[in-house]
Protein backbone atom coordinates (compact mmCIF):
# COMPACT_ATOMS: atom_id res chain seq x y z
CA UNK A 1 -2.53 6.56 -5.14
CA UNK A 2 1.07 6.86 -3.92
CA UNK A 3 2.16 4.10 -6.32
CA UNK A 4 0.59 5.97 -9.24
CA UNK A 5 2.17 9.27 -8.12
CA UNK A 6 5.55 7.53 -8.14
CA UNK A 7 4.95 5.74 -11.45
CA UNK A 8 3.98 8.83 -13.45
CA UNK A 9 7.38 10.63 -13.14
CA UNK A 10 9.17 7.35 -13.87
CA UNK A 11 7.06 6.86 -17.00
CA UNK A 12 7.74 10.42 -18.15
CA UNK A 13 11.46 9.88 -17.56
CA UNK A 14 11.35 6.57 -19.44
CA UNK A 15 9.56 8.14 -22.37
CA UNK A 16 11.95 11.08 -22.45
CA UNK A 17 15.03 8.85 -22.29
CA UNK A 18 13.64 6.02 -24.37
CA UNK A 19 12.70 5.96 -28.05
CA UNK A 20 13.65 9.59 -28.68
CA UNK A 21 17.29 8.72 -27.91
CA UNK A 22 17.15 5.10 -28.86
CA UNK A 23 16.85 5.27 -32.60
CA UNK A 24 18.59 1.96 -33.23
CA UNK A 25 20.79 1.95 -30.10
CA UNK A 26 20.36 -1.40 -28.35
CA UNK A 27 21.76 -0.14 -25.02
CA UNK A 28 19.25 2.72 -24.92
CA UNK A 29 16.39 0.29 -25.57
CA UNK A 30 17.66 -1.86 -22.69
CA UNK A 31 17.60 1.21 -20.41
CA UNK A 32 14.10 2.07 -21.64
CA UNK A 33 12.95 -1.48 -20.91
CA UNK A 34 14.32 -1.37 -17.36
CA UNK A 35 12.62 1.96 -16.72
CA UNK A 36 9.34 0.53 -17.99
CA UNK A 37 9.81 -2.46 -15.66
CA UNK A 38 10.02 -0.05 -12.72
CA UNK A 39 6.90 1.80 -13.87
CA UNK A 40 5.06 -1.50 -14.34
CA UNK A 41 5.97 -2.62 -10.80
CA UNK A 42 4.40 0.51 -9.29
CA UNK A 43 1.33 0.43 -11.52
CA UNK A 44 0.77 -3.31 -10.87
CA UNK A 45 1.02 -2.66 -7.14
CA UNK A 46 -1.65 0.04 -7.40
CA UNK A 47 -3.91 -2.18 -9.53
CA UNK A 48 -3.63 -5.27 -7.34
CA UNK A 49 -3.76 -3.70 -3.87
CA UNK A 50 -7.10 -4.32 -2.15
CA UNK A 51 -6.93 -1.16 -0.06
CA UNK A 52 -4.75 1.93 0.48
CA UNK A 53 -2.97 0.42 3.49
CA UNK A 54 -1.91 -2.66 1.53
CA UNK A 55 -0.72 -0.45 -1.33
CA UNK A 56 1.24 1.74 1.10
CA UNK A 57 2.95 -1.34 2.55
CA UNK A 58 3.80 -2.50 -0.97
CA UNK A 59 5.23 0.88 -1.96
CA UNK A 60 7.22 1.05 1.27
CA UNK A 61 8.57 -2.46 0.63
CA UNK A 62 9.50 -1.53 -2.92
CA UNK A 63 11.24 1.68 -1.87
CA UNK A 64 13.13 -0.09 0.90
CA UNK A 65 14.51 -2.66 -1.53
CA UNK A 66 12.31 -5.66 -0.67
CA UNK A 67 10.97 -6.16 -4.22
CA UNK A 68 13.43 -8.25 -6.27
CA UNK A 69 11.95 -7.28 -9.66
CA UNK A 70 12.12 -3.56 -8.86
CA UNK A 71 15.64 -3.98 -7.44
CA UNK A 72 16.89 -5.62 -10.65
CA UNK A 73 15.27 -2.95 -12.82
CA UNK A 74 16.59 -0.07 -10.68
CA UNK A 75 20.07 -1.60 -10.61
CA UNK A 76 20.02 -1.94 -14.38
CA UNK A 77 18.85 1.65 -14.84
CA UNK A 78 21.62 2.95 -12.57
CA UNK A 79 24.23 0.80 -14.32
CA UNK A 80 23.20 2.20 -17.69
CA UNK A 81 23.15 5.76 -16.39
CA UNK A 82 26.57 5.52 -14.73
CA UNK A 83 28.45 3.53 -17.35
CA UNK A 84 30.13 6.56 -18.96
CA UNK A 85 30.40 8.66 -15.79
CA UNK A 86 33.92 9.33 -14.43
CA UNK A 87 34.76 7.54 -11.16
CA UNK A 88 34.82 10.74 -9.06
CA UNK A 89 31.32 11.80 -10.14
CA UNK A 90 30.06 8.20 -9.80
CA UNK A 91 31.24 8.14 -6.16
CA UNK A 92 29.54 11.49 -5.51
CA UNK A 93 26.34 10.27 -7.19
CA UNK A 94 26.38 7.11 -5.01
CA UNK A 95 26.91 9.18 -1.85
CA UNK A 96 23.98 11.42 -2.74
CA UNK A 97 21.83 8.34 -3.40
CA UNK A 98 22.70 6.85 0.01
CA UNK A 99 21.87 10.15 1.73
CA UNK A 100 18.55 10.43 -0.11
CA UNK A 101 17.65 6.86 0.96
CA UNK A 102 18.59 7.65 4.56
CA UNK A 103 16.36 10.74 4.51
CA UNK A 104 13.50 8.81 2.89
CA UNK A 105 13.70 6.01 5.47
CA UNK A 106 13.80 8.54 8.31
CA UNK A 107 10.72 10.31 6.91
CA UNK A 108 8.97 6.99 6.40
CA UNK A 109 9.63 6.00 10.02
CA UNK A 110 8.47 9.41 11.27
CA UNK A 111 5.30 9.27 9.18
CA UNK A 112 4.51 5.80 10.53
CA UNK A 113 4.52 7.21 14.07
CA UNK A 114 2.18 10.10 13.32
CA UNK A 115 -1.55 9.50 13.68
CA UNK A 116 -3.54 9.83 10.49
CA UNK A 117 -6.05 12.66 11.09
CA UNK A 118 -8.43 11.32 8.45
CA UNK A 119 -8.59 7.94 10.21
CA UNK A 120 -9.44 9.65 13.50
CA UNK A 121 -12.16 11.69 11.80
CA UNK A 122 -13.61 8.57 10.13
CA UNK A 123 -13.55 6.72 13.46
CA UNK A 124 -15.42 9.52 15.20
CA UNK A 125 -18.02 9.70 12.44
CA UNK A 126 -18.44 5.90 12.48
CA UNK A 127 -18.99 5.99 16.24
CA UNK A 128 -21.65 8.67 15.81
CA UNK A 129 -23.34 6.67 13.05
CA UNK A 130 -23.37 3.51 15.17
CA UNK A 131 -24.83 5.47 18.08
CA UNK A 132 -27.56 6.80 15.77
CA UNK A 133 -28.35 3.17 14.87
CA UNK A 134 -28.67 2.30 18.56
CA UNK A 135 -25.35 0.43 18.64
CA UNK A 136 -22.33 0.88 20.89
CA UNK A 137 -19.04 1.09 18.96
CA UNK A 138 -17.20 -0.79 21.71
CA UNK A 139 -19.67 -3.68 22.08
CA UNK A 140 -18.14 -6.86 20.62
CA UNK A 141 -21.43 -8.72 21.04
CA UNK A 142 -23.29 -6.18 18.89
CA UNK A 143 -20.46 -6.34 16.33
CA UNK A 144 -20.76 -10.14 16.08
CA UNK A 145 -24.56 -9.89 15.84
CA UNK A 146 -24.18 -7.46 12.93
CA UNK A 147 -21.97 -10.02 11.18
CA UNK A 148 -24.50 -12.80 11.86
CA UNK A 149 -27.37 -10.79 10.39
CA UNK A 150 -25.26 -9.85 7.33
CA UNK A 151 -25.43 -6.13 8.15
CA UNK A 152 -22.47 -4.98 6.06
CA UNK A 153 -23.08 -1.30 6.83
CA UNK A 154 -22.92 -1.86 10.61
CA UNK A 155 -19.88 -4.13 10.25
CA UNK A 156 -18.08 -1.48 8.21
CA UNK A 157 -18.92 1.14 10.83
CA UNK A 158 -17.63 -1.11 13.63
CA UNK A 159 -14.38 -1.59 11.70
CA UNK A 160 -14.02 2.14 11.03
CA UNK A 161 -14.91 3.05 14.64
CA UNK A 162 -11.97 0.97 15.88
CA UNK A 163 -13.63 0.23 19.19
CA UNK A 164 -14.05 -3.54 19.12
CA UNK A 165 -11.60 -6.39 18.94
CA UNK A 166 -12.09 -7.75 15.42
CA UNK A 167 -10.87 -11.14 16.68
CA UNK A 168 -13.71 -11.32 19.24
CA UNK A 169 -15.54 -14.66 19.37
CA UNK A 170 -19.15 -15.54 20.00
CA UNK A 171 -20.38 -17.98 22.68
CA UNK A 172 -19.56 -20.90 20.37
CA UNK A 173 -15.99 -19.66 19.81
CA UNK A 174 -16.48 -18.42 16.24
CA UNK A 175 -14.75 -15.25 15.06
CA UNK A 176 -16.46 -12.60 12.94
CA UNK A 177 -14.56 -13.77 9.86
CA UNK A 178 -15.65 -17.38 10.49
CA UNK A 179 -19.26 -16.21 10.83
CA UNK A 180 -19.04 -14.27 7.56
CA UNK A 181 -17.51 -17.28 5.79
CA UNK A 182 -20.23 -19.54 7.15
CA UNK A 183 -22.96 -17.27 5.78
CA UNK A 184 -21.03 -16.72 2.52
CA UNK A 185 -21.19 -12.94 2.79
CA UNK A 186 -18.37 -11.88 0.46
CA UNK A 187 -18.72 -8.17 1.26
CA UNK A 188 -18.31 -8.68 5.01
CA UNK A 189 -15.50 -11.19 4.45
CA UNK A 190 -13.66 -8.60 2.33
CA UNK A 191 -14.22 -5.86 4.94
CA UNK A 192 -12.93 -8.02 7.77
CA UNK A 193 -9.98 -9.39 5.81
CA UNK A 194 -8.91 -5.90 4.70
CA UNK A 195 -9.06 -4.80 8.36
CA UNK A 196 -6.79 -7.67 9.38
CA UNK A 197 -9.41 -9.82 11.12
CA UNK A 198 -8.64 -13.53 11.44
């Protein structure tokens, strides 16, 4: 959802600055196109991300300058915006931009260190649900057995409970992901892949 929350203001800005001003002005249409490219990058990220964590990583990468397409579009937008600005104000604008990026990176780093309370709550509930099913959230053997019997609900609860090593192997050396692939269970394969199992 963060990608969409970022894309909406950009789209509004693009629409406000775009065709209303660009009645026949090629430069304004170029600016509008670059702004739409930025919006498209965020919306595509939201549409193609398999889970919220992957989307968050993508947004973070985009905001930290690791997305070449977004970088080109943002650079073009800034060029267009600053073309007629006097040098003194351009320098001040650049300084403010650097400070805003520094603050954003600091906040991003701080947020990465804080535990997510919703994840902790989900883990606790998953542990309770596994216990109610007669399973121990920390038992890798029971986790692998759930994968073998195609019990997607139990596998999801084990993943959410965060008590087993998702790379655990059975007596024959097969990982949970290998077991899911062998049985062809797409749902369990997706769950394990999204959780980072190998």
